[in-house]
Amino acid sequence: MIAKSCFFIGHRKASEEIYTDLRAAVEQHIVEFGVTEFLVGHYGGFDKLAARAVIDAKKAHTEVTLTLLLPYHPAERPMAAPEGFDGTYYPPDMERVPRRVAIVRANRYMVDHVDYLIAYAWHPVSNARKLVEYAKKSQF
């Protein structure tokens, strides 16, 4: 079986109220879609909830991995994988990207290179919403 991957994108402000649905979406992606690799950033509430949902899922699905997306070069901003994560990932060629757009560019890279996207983007004018629209136009 070929490993499937999933990335999370969402608003910085996300209520604990979405956790149950988010955890169910993670479970569905593992059981129904065969996802074994999840990737998430670390710059907001949604990212924290997404990471927690995968960490909880890993208790029952030991084959699942959780990777932290790094938008800034690890030599510039060293960051160890937080507890519950299996490692970090810095997309190729990001060193040439201006810092002010690094997060947006890293997120777009992930959308272009994963099999699934779990999103929480309700606000019409946001980078999360723009990324969801980009994903809809591309592979999703």
C-alpha atoms as a PDB file:
ATOM      1  CA  MET A   1       0.000   0.000   0.000  1.00  0.00           C
ATOM      2  CA  ILE A   2       1.329   3.437  -0.942  1.00  0.00           C
ATOM      3  CA  ALA A   3       1.533   5.885   1.966  1.00  0.00           C
ATOM      4  CA  LYS A   4      -0.900   8.781   1.774  1.00  0.00           C
ATOM      5  CA  SER A   5      -0.303  12.201   3.260  1.00  0.00           C
ATOM      6  CA  CYS A   6      -2.524  14.951   4.628  1.00  0.00           C
ATOM      7  CA  PHE A   7      -1.867  18.604   5.481  1.00  0.00           C
ATOM      8  CA  PHE A   8      -3.885  20.885   7.742  1.00  0.00           C
ATOM      9  CA  ILE A   9      -4.687  24.520   7.036  1.00  0.00           C
ATOM     10  CA  GLY A  10      -6.841  26.769   9.162  1.00  0.00           C
ATOM     11  CA  HIS A  11      -7.294  30.063  10.913  1.00  0.00           C
ATOM     12  CA  ARG A  12      -5.069  31.081  13.789  1.00  0.00           C
ATOM     13  CA  LYS A  13      -8.150  31.483  15.949  1.00  0.00           C
ATOM     14  CA  ALA A  14      -9.984  28.196  16.292  1.00  0.00           C
ATOM     15  CA  SER A  15     -12.266  27.210  19.109  1.00  0.00           C
ATOM     16  CA  GLU A  16     -11.889  24.048  21.139  1.00  0.00           C
ATOM     17  CA  GLU A  17     -15.464  23.321  19.981  1.00  0.00           C
ATOM     18  CA  ILE A  18     -14.182  22.039  16.609  1.00  0.00           C
ATOM     19  CA  TYR A  19     -11.897  19.425  18.179  1.00  0.00           C
ATOM     20  CA  THR A  20     -14.414  16.561  18.072  1.00  0.00           C
ATOM     21  CA  ASP A  21     -15.100  17.093  14.366  1.00  0.00           C
ATOM     22  CA  LEU A  22     -11.393  17.515  13.654  1.00  0.00           C
ATOM     23  CA  ARG A  23     -10.558  14.286  15.482  1.00  0.00           C
ATOM     24  CA  ALA A  24     -13.280  12.500  13.495  1.00  0.00           C
ATOM     25  CA  ALA A  25     -11.831  13.856  10.228  1.00  0.00           C
ATOM     26  CA  VAL A  26      -8.374  12.557  11.176  1.00  0.00           C
ATOM     27  CA  GLU A  27      -9.826   9.136  11.987  1.00  0.00           C
ATOM     28  CA  GLN A  28     -11.698   9.068   8.663  1.00  0.00           C
ATOM     29  CA  HIS A  29      -8.558   9.943   6.729  1.00  0.00           C
ATOM     30  CA  ILE A  30      -6.652   7.133   8.441  1.00  0.00           C
ATOM     31  CA  VAL A  31      -9.321   4.422   8.212  1.00  0.00           C
ATOM     32  CA  GLU A  32     -11.079   5.243   4.945  1.00  0.00           C
ATOM     33  CA  PHE A  33      -8.389   6.991   2.886  1.00  0.00           C
ATOM     34  CA  GLY A  34      -5.247   5.234   4.134  1.00  0.00           C
ATOM     35  CA  VAL A  35      -3.450   8.341   5.364  1.00  0.00           C
ATOM     36  CA  THR A  36      -0.397   7.510   7.446  1.00  0.00           C
ATOM     37  CA  GLU A  37       1.475  10.817   7.284  1.00  0.00           C
ATOM     38  CA  PHE A  38       0.073  14.074   8.653  1.00  0.00           C
ATOM     39  CA  LEU A  39       1.828  17.431   8.389  1.00  0.00           C
ATOM     40  CA  VAL A  40       0.907  20.576  10.286  1.00  0.00           C
ATOM     41  CA  GLY A  41       2.294  24.042  11.004  1.00  0.00           C
ATOM     42  CA  HIS A  42       2.549  25.602  14.437  1.00  0.00           C
ATOM     43  CA  TYR A  43       1.346  29.180  14.166  1.00  0.00           C
ATOM     44  CA  GLY A  44      -2.156  29.128  15.519  1.00  0.00           C
ATOM     45  CA  GLY A  45      -5.016  27.566  17.359  1.00  0.00           C
ATOM     46  CA  PHE A  46      -6.128  25.365  14.487  1.00  0.00           C
ATOM     47  CA  ASP A  47      -2.628  23.953  14.081  1.00  0.00           C
ATOM     48  CA  LYS A  48      -2.510  23.093  17.787  1.00  0.00           C
ATOM     49  CA  LEU A  49      -5.902  21.361  17.627  1.00  0.00           C
ATOM     50  CA  ALA A  50      -4.900  19.463  14.481  1.00  0.00           C
ATOM     51  CA  ALA A  51      -1.661  18.276  16.062  1.00  0.00           C
ATOM     52  CA  ARG A  52      -3.518  17.143  19.172  1.00  0.00           C
ATOM     53  CA  ALA A  53      -6.044  15.231  17.044  1.00  0.00           C
ATOM     54  CA  VAL A  54      -3.268  13.335  15.261  1.00  0.00           C
ATOM     55  CA  ILE A  55      -1.346  12.699  18.483  1.00  0.00           C
ATOM     56  CA  ASP A  56      -4.522  11.234  19.972  1.00  0.00           C
ATOM     57  CA  ALA A  57      -5.088   9.126  16.840  1.00  0.00           C
ATOM     58  CA  LYS A  58      -1.527   7.781  16.995  1.00  0.00           C
ATOM     59  CA  LYS A  59      -2.429   5.960  20.207  1.00  0.00           C
ATOM     60  CA  ALA A  60      -4.649   3.584  18.230  1.00  0.00           C
ATOM     61  CA  HIS A  61      -2.848   3.828  14.876  1.00  0.00           C
ATOM     62  CA  THR A  62       0.851   3.309  15.545  1.00  0.00           C
ATOM     63  CA  GLU A  63       1.692   3.494  11.827  1.00  0.00           C
ATOM     64  CA  VAL A  64       0.690   7.175  11.701  1.00  0.00           C
ATOM     65  CA  THR A  65       3.324   9.907  11.767  1.00  0.00           C
ATOM     66  CA  LEU A  66       3.024  13.603  12.546  1.00  0.00           C
ATOM     67  CA  THR A  67       5.494  16.073  11.034  1.00  0.00           C
ATOM     68  CA  LEU A  68       5.920  19.754  11.828  1.00  0.00           C
ATOM     69  CA  LEU A  69       6.164  22.040   8.790  1.00  0.00           C
ATOM     70  CA  LEU A  70       8.953  24.609   9.110  1.00  0.00           C
ATOM     71  CA  PRO A  71       8.509  27.755   6.990  1.00  0.00           C
ATOM     72  CA  TYR A  72      11.886  29.183   8.034  1.00  0.00           C
ATOM     73  CA  HIS A  73      15.253  27.546   7.455  1.00  0.00           C
ATOM     74  CA  PRO A  74      16.211  25.342  10.426  1.00  0.00           C
ATOM     75  CA  ALA A  75      19.677  26.938  10.578  1.00  0.00           C
ATOM     76  CA  GLU A  76      18.072  30.380  10.891  1.00  0.00           C
ATOM     77  CA  ARG A  77      15.342  29.365  13.328  1.00  0.00           C
ATOM     78  CA  PRO A  78      16.222  26.024  14.908  1.00  0.00           C
ATOM     79  CA  MET A  79      13.191  24.132  16.112  1.00  0.00           C
ATOM     80  CA  ALA A  80      13.093  20.648  17.513  1.00  0.00           C
ATOM     81  CA  ALA A  81      10.041  18.521  16.924  1.00  0.00           C
ATOM     82  CA  PRO A  82       7.624  19.076  19.825  1.00  0.00           C
ATOM     83  CA  GLU A  83       6.492  16.171  21.968  1.00  0.00           C
ATOM     84  CA  GLY A  84       4.210  13.855  20.008  1.00  0.00           C
ATOM     85  CA  PHE A  85       5.732  14.827  16.636  1.00  0.00           C
ATOM     86  CA  ASP A  86       7.912  12.427  14.669  1.00  0.00           C
ATOM     87  CA  GLY A  87      10.046  15.053  12.982  1.00  0.00           C
ATOM     88  CA  THR A  88      10.174  18.334  11.092  1.00  0.00           C
ATOM     89  CA  TYR A  89      10.073  19.193   7.402  1.00  0.00           C
ATOM     90  CA  TYR A  90      11.481  22.201   5.586  1.00  0.00           C
ATOM     91  CA  PRO A  91      10.332  22.366   1.929  1.00  0.00           C
ATOM     92  CA  PRO A  92      13.049  22.514  -0.742  1.00  0.00           C
ATOM     93  CA  ASP A  93      14.157  25.856  -2.194  1.00  0.00           C
ATOM     94  CA  MET A  94      12.488  27.884   0.542  1.00  0.00           C
ATOM     95  CA  GLU A  95      15.734  29.666   1.377  1.00  0.00           C
ATOM     96  CA  ARG A  96      15.137  32.025  -1.550  1.00  0.00           C
ATOM     97  CA  VAL A  97      11.625  32.957  -0.424  1.00  0.00           C
ATOM     98  CA  PRO A  98      11.252  36.359   1.307  1.00  0.00           C
ATOM     99  CA  ARG A  99      10.512  35.919   5.012  1.00  0.00           C
ATOM    100  CA  ARG A 100       7.287  37.917   4.799  1.00  0.00           C
ATOM    101  CA  VAL A 101       5.723  35.246   2.563  1.00  0.00           C
ATOM    102  CA  ALA A 102       7.522  32.157   3.895  1.00  0.00           C
ATOM    103  CA  ILE A 103       4.514  30.708   5.742  1.00  0.00           C
ATOM    104  CA  VAL A 104       2.186  31.209   2.770  1.00  0.00           C
ATOM    105  CA  ARG A 105       4.720  29.684   0.366  1.00  0.00           C
ATOM    106  CA  ALA A 106       5.429  26.699   2.634  1.00  0.00           C
ATOM    107  CA  ASN A 107       1.694  26.060   2.975  1.00  0.00           C
ATOM    108  CA  ARG A 108       1.221  26.234  -0.792  1.00  0.00           C
ATOM    109  CA  TYR A 109       4.091  23.807  -1.285  1.00  0.00           C
ATOM    110  CA  MET A 110       2.366  21.343   1.022  1.00  0.00           C
ATOM    111  CA  VAL A 111      -0.941  21.643  -0.827  1.00  0.00           C
ATOM    112  CA  ASP A 112       0.928  20.825  -4.033  1.00  0.00           C
ATOM    113  CA  HIS A 113       2.588  17.747  -2.533  1.00  0.00           C
ATOM    114  CA  VAL A 114       0.026  15.963  -0.329  1.00  0.00           C
ATOM    115  CA  ASP A 115      -2.868  13.678  -1.118  1.00  0.00           C
ATOM    116  CA  TYR A 116      -5.430  15.277   1.229  1.00  0.00           C
ATOM    117  CA  LEU A 117      -6.135  18.576   2.923  1.00  0.00           C
ATOM    118  CA  ILE A 118      -8.138  19.096   6.106  1.00  0.00           C
ATOM    119  CA  ALA A 119      -9.135  22.739   6.312  1.00  0.00           C
ATOM    120  CA  TYR A 120     -10.879  25.126   8.665  1.00  0.00           C
ATOM    121  CA  ALA A 121     -11.292  28.300   6.650  1.00  0.00           C
ATOM    122  CA  TRP A 122     -14.567  30.094   7.212  1.00  0.00           C
ATOM    123  CA  HIS A 123     -13.385  33.708   7.041  1.00  0.00           C
ATOM    124  CA  PRO A 124     -13.666  34.959   3.433  1.00  0.00           C
ATOM    125  CA  VAL A 125     -10.599  37.231   3.563  1.00  0.00           C
ATOM    126  CA  SER A 126      -7.732  35.171   4.939  1.00  0.00           C
ATOM    127  CA  ASN A 127      -4.625  33.324   3.827  1.00  0.00           C
ATOM    128  CA  ALA A 128      -6.240  30.061   4.930  1.00  0.00           C
ATOM    129  CA  ARG A 129      -9.245  30.700   2.685  1.00  0.00           C
ATOM    130  CA  LYS A 130      -6.985  31.681  -0.236  1.00  0.00           C
ATOM    131  CA  LEU A 131      -5.082  28.434   0.191  1.00  0.00           C
ATOM    132  CA  VAL A 132      -8.293  26.406   0.194  1.00  0.00           C
ATOM    133  CA  GLU A 133      -9.384  28.141  -3.011  1.00  0.00           C
ATOM    134  CA  TYR A 134      -5.951  27.438  -4.528  1.00  0.00           C
ATOM    135  CA  ALA A 135      -6.297  23.760  -3.544  1.00  0.00           C
ATOM    136  CA  LYS A 136      -9.738  23.523  -5.135  1.00  0.00           C
ATOM    137  CA  LYS A 137      -8.336  24.875  -8.404  1.00  0.00           C
ATOM    138  CA  SER A 138      -5.407  22.483  -8.377  1.00  0.00           C
ATOM    139  CA  GLN A 139      -5.612  18.871  -7.272  1.00  0.00           C
ATOM    140  CA  PHE A 140      -8.373  18.774  -4.693  1.00  0.00           C
END
